[in-house]
């Protein structure tokens, strides 16, 4: 199979994304088929973690190791 048909980030997972908001936005946009994902709002939860509510309907925060996770 030609490498031209293999996406660079096919093997990237949410927890592999660098711990910056910009990196998260780029990753989520790629996962959303190129349709831009943006931050709707952010807040601090009861545990003191910063939560980012995104336009894709999900919220994200960083865990204790600084890796992104979906907030449920």
Protein backbone atom coordinates (compact mmCIF):
# COMPACT_ATOMS: atom_id res chain seq x y z
CA UNK A 1 0.00 0.00 0.00
CA UNK A 2 1.31 3.42 -0.88
CA UNK A 3 2.32 5.65 2.02
CA UNK A 4 0.33 8.43 0.35
CA UNK A 5 -2.83 6.80 1.67
CA UNK A 6 -1.70 6.43 5.28
CA UNK A 7 -2.56 9.27 7.63
CA UNK A 8 0.29 10.35 9.87
CA UNK A 9 -1.79 10.30 13.08
CA UNK A 10 -3.69 7.05 12.57
CA UNK A 11 -2.02 5.55 15.61
CA UNK A 12 -2.35 8.61 17.86
CA UNK A 13 -4.65 8.38 20.87
CA UNK A 14 -6.02 11.12 23.11
CA UNK A 15 -3.54 10.30 25.88
CA UNK A 16 -0.67 10.73 23.34
CA UNK A 17 -1.59 14.35 22.59
CA UNK A 18 0.82 16.92 24.09
CA UNK A 19 -0.67 18.69 27.14
CA UNK A 20 -1.46 21.99 25.41
CA UNK A 21 -4.88 23.25 24.40
CA UNK A 22 -3.68 23.96 20.87
CA UNK A 23 -2.45 20.37 20.45
CA UNK A 24 -5.81 19.10 21.71
CA UNK A 25 -7.68 21.30 19.24
CA UNK A 26 -5.56 20.09 16.32
CA UNK A 27 -6.04 16.44 17.34
CA UNK A 28 -9.81 16.80 17.80
CA UNK A 29 -10.16 18.60 14.46
CA UNK A 30 -8.29 15.77 12.71
CA UNK A 31 -10.46 13.19 14.48
CA UNK A 32 -13.54 15.15 13.41
CA UNK A 33 -12.76 14.69 9.71
CA UNK A 34 -11.13 18.10 9.38
CA UNK A 35 -14.16 19.98 10.69
CA UNK A 36 -12.83 22.53 13.17
CA UNK A 37 -13.37 21.78 16.86
CA UNK A 38 -13.17 24.76 19.20
CA UNK A 39 -13.50 25.48 22.90
CA UNK A 40 -16.95 26.63 24.01
CA UNK A 41 -16.00 27.35 27.61
CA UNK A 42 -13.66 26.27 30.37
CA UNK A 43 -14.08 26.03 34.11
CA UNK A 44 -12.55 24.48 37.20
CA UNK A 45 -14.38 21.45 38.58
CA UNK A 46 -14.86 20.55 42.25
CA UNK A 47 -11.58 18.59 42.26
CA UNK A 48 -9.68 21.67 41.07
CA UNK A 49 -9.08 20.42 37.52
CA UNK A 50 -9.49 22.74 34.55
CA UNK A 51 -12.19 21.40 32.22
CA UNK A 52 -12.48 22.42 28.55
CA UNK A 53 -15.93 22.05 27.01
CA UNK A 54 -15.57 21.61 23.25
CA UNK A 55 -17.81 22.05 20.23
CA UNK A 56 -17.74 18.29 19.56
CA UNK A 57 -20.03 17.78 22.57
CA UNK A 58 -17.36 16.42 24.92
CA UNK A 59 -15.36 17.93 27.76
CA UNK A 60 -11.67 17.29 28.39
CA UNK A 61 -9.25 17.74 31.27
CA UNK A 62 -5.75 16.56 32.13
CA UNK A 63 -5.15 13.72 34.56
CA UNK A 64 -2.50 13.65 37.29
CA UNK A 65 0.19 12.79 34.71
CA UNK A 66 -0.80 15.73 32.47
CA UNK A 67 -2.44 13.52 29.84
CA UNK A 68 -5.73 14.50 28.23
CA UNK A 69 -8.87 12.58 29.20
CA UNK A 70 -12.58 12.82 28.47
CA UNK A 71 -14.62 14.13 31.40
CA UNK A 72 -17.73 12.04 32.11
